[in-house]
Amino acid sequence: MINLLLLIVAILLIVPLGAIGFVYSVVSRMLRAASVYFWQIAVAIDELGNTICQDLFNDLMIKKGGHRFGNSNETVSYVLGVNKKNGKLYWIGAALSYILHLIDKYHVEKAADREQ
């Protein structure tokens, strides 16, 4: 019950403050490294997606015996990369890996090589 209350409070805080905080940070970092900030947000969202969609992603993207989605400290890209290296991706996981490769060459492979 405590965890549910904490989740509700977190949602109630992020909804109004998230957009304001995002705009404030972008403006305040315009002269500094805004791209690092964007990367940090992308990683956080990626880890959130890995957690929220773990059951869906496990069923649709990886074969039995593969590295499972769901660890909140791992990104979707990391899990895809580990499974790609081990030949455990279904076609949907391979397709997502390819799309990420078009944006950033060897994206999931690089993610799998980074410590999470």
Protein backbone atom coordinates (compact mmCIF):
# COMPACT_ATOMS: atom_id res chain seq x y z
CA MET A 1 0.00 0.00 0.00
CA ILE A 2 2.87 2.39 0.79
CA ASN A 3 4.38 1.78 -2.65
CA LEU A 4 1.06 2.57 -4.32
CA LEU A 5 0.84 5.85 -2.38
CA LEU A 6 4.42 6.71 -3.37
CA LEU A 7 3.59 6.00 -7.01
CA ILE A 8 0.51 8.26 -6.84
CA VAL A 9 2.54 11.08 -5.26
CA ALA A 10 5.27 10.67 -7.91
CA ILE A 11 2.70 10.87 -10.71
CA LEU A 12 1.00 13.88 -9.13
CA LEU A 13 4.37 15.65 -8.93
CA ILE A 14 5.71 14.76 -12.37
CA VAL A 15 2.58 15.75 -14.30
CA PRO A 16 2.59 19.47 -13.44
CA LEU A 17 6.27 19.87 -12.68
CA GLY A 18 7.75 17.69 -15.43
CA ALA A 19 6.96 20.05 -18.30
CA ILE A 20 7.99 23.14 -16.32
CA GLY A 21 11.23 21.49 -15.19
CA PHE A 22 12.01 20.33 -18.73
CA VAL A 23 11.56 23.79 -20.25
CA TYR A 24 13.49 25.42 -17.42
CA SER A 25 16.42 23.02 -17.83
CA VAL A 26 16.55 23.37 -21.62
CA VAL A 27 16.58 27.15 -21.40
CA SER A 28 19.14 27.22 -18.59
CA ARG A 29 21.42 24.83 -20.48
CA MET A 30 21.17 26.48 -23.89
CA LEU A 31 24.71 27.77 -23.54
CA ARG A 32 25.92 24.54 -21.93
CA ALA A 33 25.69 20.90 -22.90
CA ALA A 34 21.97 20.45 -23.56
CA SER A 35 22.67 17.24 -25.47
CA VAL A 36 23.93 15.54 -22.28
CA TYR A 37 20.67 16.51 -20.60
CA PHE A 38 18.66 15.05 -23.49
CA TRP A 39 20.71 11.84 -23.32
CA GLN A 40 20.08 11.56 -19.55
CA ILE A 41 16.33 11.92 -20.10
CA ALA A 42 16.39 9.39 -22.94
CA VAL A 43 18.17 6.84 -20.71
CA ALA A 44 15.69 7.41 -17.87
CA ILE A 45 12.71 6.97 -20.20
CA ASP A 46 14.36 3.91 -21.74
CA GLU A 47 14.78 2.32 -18.28
CA LEU A 48 11.17 3.20 -17.46
CA GLY A 49 9.98 1.55 -20.68
CA ASN A 50 12.00 -1.56 -19.83
CA THR A 51 10.22 -1.74 -16.49
CA ILE A 52 6.67 -0.85 -17.57
CA CYS A 53 6.63 -3.01 -20.72
CA GLN A 54 8.64 -5.96 -19.42
CA ASP A 55 5.96 -8.63 -19.91
CA LEU A 56 4.98 -7.39 -23.36
CA PHE A 57 8.61 -7.05 -24.49
CA ASN A 58 9.60 -10.44 -23.04
CA ASP A 59 6.78 -12.14 -24.97
CA LEU A 60 7.19 -10.25 -28.25
CA MET A 61 10.92 -9.64 -28.60
CA ILE A 62 12.99 -12.35 -26.98
CA LYS A 63 13.19 -16.08 -27.30
CA LYS A 64 13.14 -18.52 -24.41
CA GLY A 65 16.36 -18.41 -22.42
CA GLY A 66 17.13 -14.85 -23.44
CA HIS A 67 18.09 -12.01 -21.14
CA ARG A 68 14.76 -10.77 -19.75
CA PHE A 69 13.36 -7.26 -19.80
CA GLY A 70 12.28 -5.77 -16.47
CA ASN A 71 15.43 -4.71 -14.63
CA SER A 72 14.82 -1.03 -13.83
CA ASN A 73 18.56 -0.33 -14.09
CA GLU A 74 18.81 -1.58 -17.68
CA THR A 75 17.72 0.11 -20.88
CA VAL A 76 15.65 -1.50 -23.59
CA SER A 77 18.65 -1.03 -25.88
CA TYR A 78 20.90 -2.95 -23.49
CA VAL A 79 18.51 -5.91 -23.30
CA LEU A 80 18.10 -5.93 -27.08
CA GLY A 81 21.88 -5.83 -27.53
CA VAL A 82 22.54 -8.69 -25.12
CA ASN A 83 19.88 -10.81 -26.81
CA LYS A 84 21.10 -9.90 -30.29
CA LYS A 85 24.62 -11.05 -29.39
CA ASN A 86 23.19 -14.31 -28.05
CA GLY A 87 20.85 -14.91 -31.01
CA LYS A 88 17.75 -14.69 -28.79
CA LEU A 89 15.72 -11.99 -30.60
CA TYR A 90 12.43 -12.63 -32.31
CA TRP A 91 11.89 -10.68 -35.54
CA ILE A 92 10.20 -7.78 -33.72
CA GLY A 93 13.25 -7.30 -31.46
CA ALA A 94 15.53 -7.55 -34.49
CA ALA A 95 13.40 -4.96 -36.32
CA LEU A 96 13.58 -2.53 -33.39
CA SER A 97 17.35 -3.09 -33.19
CA TYR A 98 17.63 -2.30 -36.91
CA ILE A 99 15.59 0.92 -36.53
CA LEU A 100 17.88 2.00 -33.70
CA HIS A 101 20.88 1.14 -35.92
CA LEU A 102 19.55 3.51 -38.60
CA ILE A 103 19.48 6.32 -36.02
CA ASP A 104 22.78 5.45 -34.30
CA LYS A 105 25.07 2.86 -35.90
CA TYR A 106 25.42 -0.30 -33.76
CA HIS A 107 23.25 1.28 -31.05
CA VAL A 108 22.16 -1.91 -29.26
CA GLU A 109 25.60 -3.48 -29.58
CA LYS A 110 27.20 -0.41 -27.96
CA ALA A 111 24.51 -0.42 -25.25
CA ALA A 112 25.22 -4.09 -24.48
CA ASP A 113 28.92 -3.29 -24.06
CA ARG A 114 28.24 -0.44 -21.59
CA GLU A 115 27.93 -1.17 -17.91
CA GLN A 116 24.34 -0.68 -16.78
